[in-house]
Amino acid sequence: IEGMATLLIIEDDADIRDLLRLHGERAGHRVETAGDGSTALRLLASKSYDLALIDWMLPEVSGLEVLKTVRSKYPLMGAMMITARTSNEDVIAALEAGA
């Protein structure tokens, strides 16, 4: 992302979330965070983001469902999955959802 962007990091692990936030801010971006899918959906509905970094395994609403919402409601927003899931089926599901 060229220039300053507004990022939403959606990650339930506080250490990972804080590390991603720190690196985003050091790169000159505005960064907001959510620790669960429900909070992420509320933030997405209330503000504009350039990129969402989405963990797959989130409490309340899965990251895959958050991604599907991003793609259906905010099709121009960038979205990347952050996950330890690596099976071919999981990769296909993420790509089909719009990652």
PDB file of N, CA and C in Angstrom:
ATOM      1  N   ILE A   1       0.860  -1.174   0.000  1.00  0.00           N
ATOM      2  CA  ILE A   1       0.000   0.000   0.000  1.00  0.00           C
ATOM      3  C   ILE A   1       0.900   1.228   0.000  1.00  0.00           C
ATOM      4  N   GLU A   2       0.728   2.059  -0.992  1.00  0.00           N
ATOM      5  CA  GLU A   2       1.542   3.252  -1.116  1.00  0.00           C
ATOM      6  C   GLU A   2       0.949   4.370  -0.278  1.00  0.00           C
ATOM      7  N   GLY A   3       1.802   5.107   0.430  1.00  0.00           N
ATOM      8  CA  GLY A   3       1.321   6.202   1.263  1.00  0.00           C
ATOM      9  C   GLY A   3       0.663   5.682   2.529  1.00  0.00           C
ATOM     10  N   MET A   4      -0.007   6.597   3.239  1.00  0.00           N
ATOM     11  CA  MET A   4      -0.668   6.198   4.479  1.00  0.00           C
ATOM     12  C   MET A   4      -1.995   5.524   4.166  1.00  0.00           C
ATOM     13  N   ALA A   5      -2.198   4.379   4.756  1.00  0.00           N
ATOM     14  CA  ALA A   5      -3.443   3.639   4.594  1.00  0.00           C
ATOM     15  C   ALA A   5      -4.063   3.434   5.967  1.00  0.00           C
ATOM     16  N   THR A   6      -5.339   3.114   5.970  1.00  0.00           N
ATOM     17  CA  THR A   6      -6.028   2.778   7.205  1.00  0.00           C
ATOM     18  C   THR A   6      -6.266   1.277   7.204  1.00  0.00           C
ATOM     19  N   LEU A   7      -5.684   0.608   8.195  1.00  0.00           N
ATOM     20  CA  LEU A   7      -5.740  -0.847   8.283  1.00  0.00           C
ATOM     21  C   LEU A   7      -6.629  -1.276   9.437  1.00  0.00           C
ATOM     22  N   LEU A   8      -7.323  -2.379   9.243  1.00  0.00           N
ATOM     23  CA  LEU A   8      -8.051  -3.025  10.332  1.00  0.00           C
ATOM     24  C   LEU A   8      -7.455  -4.405  10.517  1.00  0.00           C
ATOM     25  N   ILE A   9      -6.876  -4.628  11.688  1.00  0.00           N
ATOM     26  CA  ILE A   9      -6.294  -5.926  12.020  1.00  0.00           C
ATOM     27  C   ILE A   9      -7.295  -6.665  12.896  1.00  0.00           C
ATOM     28  N   ILE A  10      -7.723  -7.828  12.432  1.00  0.00           N
ATOM     29  CA  ILE A  10      -8.737  -8.622  13.121  1.00  0.00           C
ATOM     30  C   ILE A  10      -8.070  -9.920  13.558  1.00  0.00           C
ATOM     31  N   GLU A  11      -7.704  -9.977  14.820  1.00  0.00           N
ATOM     32  CA  GLU A  11      -6.909 -11.098  15.355  1.00  0.00           C
ATOM     33  C   GLU A  11      -7.242 -11.256  16.831  1.00  0.00           C
ATOM     34  N   ASP A  12      -7.565 -12.479  17.256  1.00  0.00           N
ATOM     35  CA  ASP A  12      -7.937 -12.693  18.653  1.00  0.00           C
ATOM     36  C   ASP A  12      -6.745 -12.874  19.583  1.00  0.00           C
ATOM     37  N   ASP A  13      -5.588 -13.228  19.057  1.00  0.00           N
ATOM     38  CA  ASP A  13      -4.395 -13.370  19.888  1.00  0.00           C
ATOM     39  C   ASP A  13      -3.795 -11.982  20.101  1.00  0.00           C
ATOM     40  N   ALA A  14      -3.813 -11.501  21.339  1.00  0.00           N
ATOM     41  CA  ALA A  14      -3.388 -10.128  21.647  1.00  0.00           C
ATOM     42  C   ALA A  14      -1.938  -9.867  21.253  1.00  0.00           C
ATOM     43  N   ASP A  15      -1.055 -10.830  21.444  1.00  0.00           N
ATOM     44  CA  ASP A  15       0.356 -10.623  21.100  1.00  0.00           C
ATOM     45  C   ASP A  15       0.537 -10.444  19.591  1.00  0.00           C
ATOM     46  N   ILE A  16      -0.124 -11.279  18.816  1.00  0.00           N
ATOM     47  CA  ILE A  16      -0.032 -11.173  17.359  1.00  0.00           C
ATOM     48  C   ILE A  16      -0.673  -9.868  16.895  1.00  0.00           C
ATOM     49  N   ARG A  17      -1.834  -9.556  17.453  1.00  0.00           N
ATOM     50  CA  ARG A  17      -2.541  -8.321  17.102  1.00  0.00           C
ATOM     51  C   ARG A  17      -1.666  -7.099  17.373  1.00  0.00           C
ATOM     52  N   ASP A  18      -1.042  -7.062  18.547  1.00  0.00           N
ATOM     53  CA  ASP A  18      -0.190  -5.927  18.901  1.00  0.00           C
ATOM     54  C   ASP A  18       1.045  -5.835  18.012  1.00  0.00           C
ATOM     55  N   LEU A  19       1.630  -6.965  17.667  1.00  0.00           N
ATOM     56  CA  LEU A  19       2.797  -6.973  16.791  1.00  0.00           C
ATOM     57  C   LEU A  19       2.441  -6.454  15.393  1.00  0.00           C
ATOM     58  N   LEU A  20       1.320  -6.913  14.858  1.00  0.00           N
ATOM     59  CA  LEU A  20       0.879  -6.438  13.545  1.00  0.00           C
ATOM     60  C   LEU A  20       0.562  -4.943  13.580  1.00  0.00           C
ATOM     61  N   ARG A  21      -0.084  -4.501  14.656  1.00  0.00           N
ATOM     62  CA  ARG A  21      -0.396  -3.078  14.812  1.00  0.00           C
ATOM     63  C   ARG A  21       0.885  -2.256  14.836  1.00  0.00           C
ATOM     64  N   LEU A  22       1.861  -2.701  15.629  1.00  0.00           N
ATOM     65  CA  LEU A  22       3.131  -2.000  15.746  1.00  0.00           C
ATOM     66  C   LEU A  22       3.823  -1.862  14.386  1.00  0.00           C
ATOM     67  N   HIS A  23       3.887  -2.948  13.629  1.00  0.00           N
ATOM     68  CA  HIS A  23       4.535  -2.899  12.320  1.00  0.00           C
ATOM     69  C   HIS A  23       3.771  -2.007  11.342  1.00  0.00           C
ATOM     70  N   GLY A  24       2.453  -2.058  11.401  1.00  0.00           N
ATOM     71  CA  GLY A  24       1.653  -1.182  10.543  1.00  0.00           C
ATOM     72  C   GLY A  24       1.885   0.279  10.860  1.00  0.00           C
ATOM     73  N   GLU A  25       1.909   0.604  12.146  1.00  0.00           N
ATOM     74  CA  GLU A  25       2.131   1.985  12.557  1.00  0.00           C
ATOM     75  C   GLU A  25       3.552   2.438  12.207  1.00  0.00           C
ATOM     76  N   ARG A  26       4.534   1.576  12.406  1.00  0.00           N
ATOM     77  CA  ARG A  26       5.923   1.920  12.048  1.00  0.00           C
ATOM     78  C   ARG A  26       6.067   2.167  10.548  1.00  0.00           C
ATOM     79  N   ALA A  27       5.228   1.520   9.762  1.00  0.00           N
ATOM     80  CA  ALA A  27       5.252   1.721   8.314  1.00  0.00           C
ATOM     81  C   ALA A  27       4.493   2.988   7.910  1.00  0.00           C
ATOM     82  N   GLY A  28       3.918   3.684   8.897  1.00  0.00           N
ATOM     83  CA  GLY A  28       3.255   4.949   8.628  1.00  0.00           C
ATOM     84  C   GLY A  28       1.767   4.869   8.388  1.00  0.00           C
ATOM     85  N   HIS A  29       1.150   3.745   8.727  1.00  0.00           N
ATOM     86  CA  HIS A  29      -0.281   3.583   8.497  1.00  0.00           C
ATOM     87  C   HIS A  29      -1.079   3.843   9.767  1.00  0.00           C
ATOM     88  N   ARG A  30      -2.329   4.200   9.576  1.00  0.00           N
ATOM     89  CA  ARG A  30      -3.277   4.270  10.690  1.00  0.00           C
ATOM     90  C   ARG A  30      -3.788   2.843  10.894  1.00  0.00           C
ATOM     91  N   VAL A  31      -3.810   2.390  12.136  1.00  0.00           N
ATOM     92  CA  VAL A  31      -4.177   1.000  12.407  1.00  0.00           C
ATOM     93  C   VAL A  31      -5.226   0.953  13.506  1.00  0.00           C
ATOM     94  N   GLU A  32      -6.275   0.192  13.263  1.00  0.00           N
ATOM     95  CA  GLU A  32      -7.260  -0.128  14.281  1.00  0.00           C
ATOM     96  C   GLU A  32      -7.300  -1.641  14.402  1.00  0.00           C
ATOM     97  N   THR A  33      -7.770  -2.123  15.548  1.00  0.00           N
ATOM     98  CA  THR A  33      -7.771  -3.564  15.779  1.00  0.00           C
ATOM     99  C   THR A  33      -9.114  -4.030  16.320  1.00  0.00           C
ATOM    100  N   ALA A  34      -9.375  -5.303  16.098  1.00  0.00           N
ATOM    101  CA  ALA A  34     -10.540  -5.978  16.661  1.00  0.00           C
ATOM    102  C   ALA A  34     -10.085  -7.361  17.108  1.00  0.00           C
ATOM    103  N   GLY A  35     -10.590  -7.796  18.252  1.00  0.00           N
ATOM    104  CA  GLY A  35     -10.215  -9.089  18.795  1.00  0.00           C
ATOM    105  C   GLY A  35     -11.208 -10.199  18.523  1.00  0.00           C
ATOM    106  N   ASP A  36     -12.299  -9.887  17.837  1.00  0.00           N
ATOM    107  CA  ASP A  36     -13.288 -10.908  17.496  1.00  0.00           C
ATOM    108  C   ASP A  36     -14.062 -10.456  16.260  1.00  0.00           C
ATOM    109  N   GLY A  37     -14.769 -11.389  15.666  1.00  0.00           N
ATOM    110  CA  GLY A  37     -15.487 -11.095  14.430  1.00  0.00           C
ATOM    111  C   GLY A  37     -16.622 -10.110  14.580  1.00  0.00           C
ATOM    112  N   SER A  38     -17.337 -10.153  15.689  1.00  0.00           N
ATOM    113  CA  SER A  38     -18.454  -9.226  15.894  1.00  0.00           C
ATOM    114  C   SER A  38     -17.973  -7.784  15.980  1.00  0.00           C
ATOM    115  N   THR A  39     -16.902  -7.563  16.727  1.00  0.00           N
ATOM    116  CA  THR A  39     -16.329  -6.218  16.828  1.00  0.00           C
ATOM    117  C   THR A  39     -15.848  -5.753  15.461  1.00  0.00           C
ATOM    118  N   ALA A  40     -15.229  -6.643  14.721  1.00  0.00           N
ATOM    119  CA  ALA A  40     -14.750  -6.299  13.383  1.00  0.00           C
ATOM    120  C   ALA A  40     -15.904  -5.848  12.493  1.00  0.00           C
ATOM    121  N   LEU A  41     -17.005  -6.570  12.511  1.00  0.00           N
ATOM    122  CA  LEU A  41     -18.146  -6.205  11.669  1.00  0.00           C
ATOM    123  C   LEU A  41     -18.708  -4.842  12.068  1.00  0.00           C
ATOM    124  N   ARG A  42     -18.730  -4.546  13.371  1.00  0.00           N
ATOM    125  CA  ARG A  42     -19.197  -3.224  13.823  1.00  0.00           C
ATOM    126  C   ARG A  42     -18.265  -2.128  13.323  1.00  0.00           C
ATOM    127  N   LEU A  43     -16.954  -2.342  13.425  1.00  0.00           N
ATOM    128  CA  LEU A  43     -15.989  -1.350  12.951  1.00  0.00           C
ATOM    129  C   LEU A  43     -16.102  -1.157  11.438  1.00  0.00           C
ATOM    130  N   LEU A  44     -16.221  -2.235  10.706  1.00  0.00           N
ATOM    131  CA  LEU A  44     -16.337  -2.154   9.257  1.00  0.00           C
ATOM    132  C   LEU A  44     -17.568  -1.359   8.836  1.00  0.00           C
ATOM    133  N   ALA A  45     -18.641  -1.481   9.586  1.00  0.00           N
ATOM    134  CA  ALA A  45     -19.875  -0.769   9.254  1.00  0.00           C
ATOM    135  C   ALA A  45     -19.798   0.720   9.589  1.00  0.00           C
ATOM    136  N   SER A  46     -18.860   1.096  10.461  1.00  0.00           N
ATOM    137  CA  SER A  46     -18.831   2.481  10.928  1.00  0.00           C
ATOM    138  C   SER A  46     -17.706   3.322  10.333  1.00  0.00           C
ATOM    139  N   LYS A  47     -16.706   2.690   9.709  1.00  0.00           N
ATOM    140  CA  LYS A  47     -15.550   3.420   9.200  1.00  0.00           C
ATOM    141  C   LYS A  47     -15.097   2.836   7.872  1.00  0.00           C
ATOM    142  N   SER A  48     -14.244   3.582   7.195  1.00  0.00           N
ATOM    143  CA  SER A  48     -13.693   3.126   5.923  1.00  0.00           C
ATOM    144  C   SER A  48     -12.246   2.665   6.134  1.00  0.00           C
ATOM    145  N   TYR A  49     -11.915   1.514   5.595  1.00  0.00           N
ATOM    146  CA  TYR A  49     -10.571   0.951   5.711  1.00  0.00           C
ATOM    147  C   TYR A  49     -10.047   0.640   4.317  1.00  0.00           C
ATOM    148  N   ASP A  50      -8.724   0.723   4.181  1.00  0.00           N
ATOM    149  CA  ASP A  50      -8.090   0.365   2.920  1.00  0.00           C
ATOM    150  C   ASP A  50      -7.789  -1.125   2.855  1.00  0.00           C
ATOM    151  N   LEU A  51      -7.492  -1.713   4.019  1.00  0.00           N
ATOM    152  CA  LEU A  51      -7.102  -3.126   4.060  1.00  0.00           C
ATOM    153  C   LEU A  51      -7.518  -3.740   5.383  1.00  0.00           C
ATOM    154  N   ALA A  52      -8.056  -4.936   5.308  1.00  0.00           N
ATOM    155  CA  ALA A  52      -8.357  -5.720   6.511  1.00  0.00           C
ATOM    156  C   ALA A  52      -7.465  -6.953   6.506  1.00  0.00           C
ATOM    157  N   LEU A  53      -6.753  -7.161   7.619  1.00  0.00           N
ATOM    158  CA  LEU A  53      -5.980  -8.383   7.842  1.00  0.00           C
ATOM    159  C   LEU A  53      -6.809  -9.237   8.786  1.00  0.00           C
ATOM    160  N   ILE A  54      -7.252 -10.383   8.334  1.00  0.00           N
ATOM    161  CA  ILE A  54      -8.289 -11.146   9.031  1.00  0.00           C
ATOM    162  C   ILE A  54      -7.780 -12.527   9.432  1.00  0.00           C
ATOM    163  N   ASP A  55      -7.791 -12.792  10.730  1.00  0.00           N
ATOM    164  CA  ASP A  55      -7.499 -14.141  11.219  1.00  0.00           C
ATOM    165  C   ASP A  55      -8.701 -15.026  10.903  1.00  0.00           C
ATOM    166  N   TRP A  56      -8.469 -16.260  10.549  1.00  0.00           N
ATOM    167  CA  TRP A  56      -9.563 -17.173  10.206  1.00  0.00           C
ATOM    168  C   TRP A  56     -10.330 -17.591  11.458  1.00  0.00           C
ATOM    169  N   MET A  57      -9.596 -18.004  12.483  1.00  0.00           N
ATOM    170  CA  MET A  57     -10.225 -18.593  13.668  1.00  0.00           C
ATOM    171  C   MET A  57     -10.446 -17.518  14.731  1.00  0.00           C
ATOM    172  N   LEU A  58     -11.610 -16.884  14.646  1.00  0.00           N
ATOM    173  CA  LEU A  58     -11.989 -15.813  15.564  1.00  0.00           C
ATOM    174  C   LEU A  58     -13.159 -16.246  16.419  1.00  0.00           C
ATOM    175  N   PRO A  59     -13.276 -15.696  17.630  1.00  0.00           N
ATOM    176  CA  PRO A  59     -14.474 -15.950  18.419  1.00  0.00           C
ATOM    177  C   PRO A  59     -15.673 -15.183  17.844  1.00  0.00           C
ATOM    178  N   GLU A  60     -16.844 -15.682  18.100  1.00  0.00           N
ATOM    179  CA  GLU A  60     -18.138 -15.081  17.760  1.00  0.00           C
ATOM    180  C   GLU A  60     -18.488 -15.216  16.285  1.00  0.00           C
ATOM    181  N   VAL A  61     -17.736 -14.589  15.401  1.00  0.00           N
ATOM    182  CA  VAL A  61     -17.960 -14.687  13.955  1.00  0.00           C
ATOM    183  C   VAL A  61     -16.617 -15.059  13.330  1.00  0.00           C
ATOM    184  N   SER A  62     -16.590 -16.103  12.521  1.00  0.00           N
ATOM    185  CA  SER A  62     -15.317 -16.567  11.959  1.00  0.00           C
ATOM    186  C   SER A  62     -14.731 -15.538  10.996  1.00  0.00           C
ATOM    187  N   GLY A  63     -13.427 -15.613  10.841  1.00  0.00           N
ATOM    188  CA  GLY A  63     -12.759 -14.736   9.897  1.00  0.00           C
ATOM    189  C   GLY A  63     -13.237 -14.950   8.468  1.00  0.00           C
ATOM    190  N   LEU A  64     -13.598 -16.168   8.128  1.00  0.00           N
ATOM    191  CA  LEU A  64     -14.110 -16.444   6.789  1.00  0.00           C
ATOM    192  C   LEU A  64     -15.432 -15.705   6.572  1.00  0.00           C
ATOM    193  N   GLU A  65     -16.278 -15.667   7.585  1.00  0.00           N
ATOM    194  CA  GLU A  65     -17.548 -14.923   7.482  1.00  0.00           C
ATOM    195  C   GLU A  65     -17.295 -13.419   7.406  1.00  0.00           C
ATOM    196  N   VAL A  66     -16.312 -12.932   8.166  1.00  0.00           N
ATOM    197  CA  VAL A  66     -15.947 -11.513   8.077  1.00  0.00           C
ATOM    198  C   VAL A  66     -15.472 -11.204   6.659  1.00  0.00           C
ATOM    199  N   LEU A  67     -14.633 -12.062   6.104  1.00  0.00           N
ATOM    200  CA  LEU A  67     -14.142 -11.873   4.751  1.00  0.00           C
ATOM    201  C   LEU A  67     -15.293 -11.833   3.743  1.00  0.00           C
ATOM    202  N   LYS A  68     -16.237 -12.733   3.871  1.00  0.00           N
ATOM    203  CA  LYS A  68     -17.389 -12.744   2.961  1.00  0.00           C
ATOM    204  C   LYS A  68     -18.167 -11.440   3.066  1.00  0.00           C
ATOM    205  N   THR A  69     -18.291 -10.904   4.269  1.00  0.00           N
ATOM    206  CA  THR A  69     -18.980  -9.625   4.452  1.00  0.00           C
ATOM    207  C   THR A  69     -18.196  -8.497   3.793  1.00  0.00           C
ATOM    208  N   VAL A  70     -16.881  -8.498   3.974  1.00  0.00           N
ATOM    209  CA  VAL A  70     -16.046  -7.477   3.336  1.00  0.00           C
ATOM    210  C   VAL A  70     -16.251  -7.514   1.825  1.00  0.00           C
ATOM    211  N   ARG A  71     -16.194  -8.682   1.245  1.00  0.00           N
ATOM    212  CA  ARG A  71     -16.327  -8.805  -0.206  1.00  0.00           C
ATOM    213  C   ARG A  71     -17.714  -8.389  -0.696  1.00  0.00           C
ATOM    214  N   SER A  72     -18.754  -8.683   0.063  1.00  0.00           N
ATOM    215  CA  SER A  72     -20.102  -8.347  -0.400  1.00  0.00           C
ATOM    216  C   SER A  72     -20.457  -6.876  -0.162  1.00  0.00           C
ATOM    217  N   LYS A  73     -20.001  -6.298   0.940  1.00  0.00           N
ATOM    218  CA  LYS A  73     -20.387  -4.922   1.276  1.00  0.00           C
ATOM    219  C   LYS A  73     -19.331  -3.877   0.920  1.00  0.00           C
ATOM    220  N   TYR A  74     -18.080  -4.274   0.877  1.00  0.00           N
ATOM    221  CA  TYR A  74     -16.973  -3.335   0.644  1.00  0.00           C
ATOM    222  C   TYR A  74     -16.021  -3.922  -0.403  1.00  0.00           C
ATOM    223  N   PRO A  75     -16.485  -4.101  -1.630  1.00  0.00           N
ATOM    224  CA  PRO A  75     -15.709  -4.843  -2.628  1.00  0.00           C
ATOM    225  C   PRO A  75     -14.377  -4.199  -3.027  1.00  0.00           C
ATOM    226  N   LEU A  76     -14.206  -2.919  -2.778  1.00  0.00           N
ATOM    227  CA  LEU A  76     -12.948  -2.269  -3.147  1.00  0.00           C
ATOM    228  C   LEU A  76     -11.897  -2.319  -2.043  1.00  0.00           C
ATOM    229  N   MET A  77     -12.282  -2.765  -0.856  1.00  0.00           N
ATOM    230  CA  MET A  77     -11.339  -2.865   0.269  1.00  0.00           C
ATOM    231  C   MET A  77     -10.432  -4.078   0.059  1.00  0.00           C
ATOM    232  N   GLY A  78      -9.146  -3.896   0.347  1.00  0.00           N
ATOM    233  CA  GLY A  78      -8.228  -5.021   0.310  1.00  0.00           C
ATOM    234  C   GLY A  78      -8.490  -5.933   1.500  1.00  0.00           C
ATOM    235  N   ALA A  79      -8.266  -7.217   1.322  1.00  0.00           N
ATOM    236  CA  ALA A  79      -8.476  -8.179   2.407  1.00  0.00           C
ATOM    237  C   ALA A  79      -7.474  -9.315   2.280  1.00  0.00           C
ATOM    238  N   MET A  80      -6.833  -9.624   3.410  1.00  0.00           N
ATOM    239  CA  MET A  80      -5.884 -10.737   3.459  1.00  0.00           C
ATOM    240  C   MET A  80      -6.209 -11.591   4.676  1.00  0.00           C
ATOM    241  N   MET A  81      -6.099 -12.889   4.509  1.00  0.00           N
ATOM    242  CA  MET A  81      -6.300 -13.803   5.624  1.00  0.00           C
ATOM    243  C   MET A  81      -4.971 -14.029   6.336  1.00  0.00           C
ATOM    244  N   ILE A  82      -5.028 -14.053   7.671  1.00  0.00           N
ATOM    245  CA  ILE A  82      -3.880 -14.389   8.507  1.00  0.00           C
ATOM    246  C   ILE A  82      -4.273 -15.692   9.196  1.00  0.00           C
ATOM    247  N   THR A  83      -3.611 -16.783   8.848  1.00  0.00           N
ATOM    248  CA  THR A  83      -4.062 -18.049   9.409  1.00  0.00           C
ATOM    249  C   THR A  83      -2.963 -19.108   9.382  1.00  0.00           C
ATOM    250  N   ALA A  84      -3.087 -20.037  10.292  1.00  0.00           N
ATOM    251  CA  ALA A  84      -2.199 -21.195  10.305  1.00  0.00           C
ATOM    252  C   ALA A  84      -2.804 -22.332   9.488  1.00  0.00           C
ATOM    253  N   ARG A  85      -4.012 -22.132   8.994  1.00  0.00           N
ATOM    254  CA  ARG A  85      -4.678 -23.170   8.216  1.00  0.00           C
ATOM    255  C   ARG A  85      -4.048 -23.226   6.835  1.00  0.00           C
ATOM    256  N   THR A  86      -3.575 -24.413   6.459  1.00  0.00           N
ATOM    257  CA  THR A  86      -2.828 -24.530   5.209  1.00  0.00           C
ATOM    258  C   THR A  86      -3.300 -25.662   4.303  1.00  0.00           C
ATOM    259  N   SER A  87      -4.357 -26.350   4.687  1.00  0.00           N
ATOM    260  CA  SER A  87      -4.807 -27.436   3.824  1.00  0.00           C
ATOM    261  C   SER A  87      -5.304 -26.860   2.493  1.00  0.00           C
ATOM    262  N   ASN A  88      -5.252 -27.669   1.454  1.00  0.00           N
ATOM    263  CA  ASN A  88      -5.739 -27.219   0.152  1.00  0.00           C
ATOM    264  C   ASN A  88      -7.188 -26.765   0.238  1.00  0.00           C
ATOM    265  N   GLU A  89      -8.001 -27.469   1.014  1.00  0.00           N
ATOM    266  CA  GLU A  89      -9.408 -27.106   1.158  1.00  0.00           C
ATOM    267  C   GLU A  89      -9.565 -25.729   1.795  1.00  0.00           C
ATOM    268  N   ASP A  90      -8.741 -25.442   2.805  1.00  0.00           N
ATOM    269  CA  ASP A  90      -8.811 -24.142   3.471  1.00  0.00           C
ATOM    270  C   ASP A  90      -8.358 -23.019   2.544  1.00  0.00           C
ATOM    271  N   VAL A  91      -7.305 -23.267   1.791  1.00  0.00           N
ATOM    272  CA  VAL A  91      -6.820 -22.255   0.837  1.00  0.00           C
ATOM    273  C   VAL A  91      -7.897 -21.970  -0.209  1.00  0.00           C
ATOM    274  N   ILE A  92      -8.508 -23.011  -0.722  1.00  0.00           N
ATOM    275  CA  ILE A  92      -9.565 -22.851  -1.718  1.00  0.00           C
ATOM    276  C   ILE A  92     -10.747 -22.088  -1.124  1.00  0.00           C
ATOM    277  N   ALA A  93     -11.145 -22.443   0.104  1.00  0.00           N
ATOM    278  CA  ALA A  93     -12.278 -21.756   0.746  1.00  0.00           C
ATOM    279  C   ALA A  93     -11.982 -20.276   0.932  1.00  0.00           C
ATOM    280  N   ALA A  94     -10.769 -19.938   1.342  1.00  0.00           N
ATOM    281  CA  ALA A  94     -10.402 -18.531   1.535  1.00  0.00           C
ATOM    282  C   ALA A  94     -10.402 -17.781   0.206  1.00  0.00           C
ATOM    283  N   LEU A  95      -9.851 -18.398  -0.823  1.00  0.00           N
ATOM    284  CA  LEU A  95      -9.824 -17.742  -2.134  1.00  0.00           C
ATOM    285  C   LEU A  95     -11.232 -17.584  -2.697  1.00  0.00           C
ATOM    286  N   GLU A  96     -12.053 -18.591  -2.526  1.00  0.00           N
ATOM    287  CA  GLU A  96     -13.437 -18.493  -3.005  1.00  0.00           C
ATOM    288  C   GLU A  96     -14.230 -17.424  -2.256  1.00  0.00           C
ATOM    289  N   ALA A  97     -13.855 -17.173  -0.988  1.00  0.00           N
ATOM    290  CA  ALA A  97     -14.524 -16.147  -0.197  1.00  0.00           C
ATOM    291  C   ALA A  97     -14.012 -14.749  -0.525  1.00  0.00           C
ATOM    292  N   GLY A  98     -12.908 -14.675  -1.279  1.00  0.00           N
ATOM    293  CA  GLY A  98     -12.436 -13.367  -1.716  1.00  0.00           C
ATOM    294  C   GLY A  98     -11.082 -12.932  -1.180  1.00  0.00           C
ATOM    295  N   ALA A  99     -10.342 -13.824  -0.553  1.00  0.00           N
ATOM    296  CA  ALA A  99      -9.003 -13.461  -0.049  1.00  0.00           C
ATOM    297  C   ALA A  99      -8.054 -13.271  -1.212  1.00  0.00           C
TER     298      ALA A  99
END
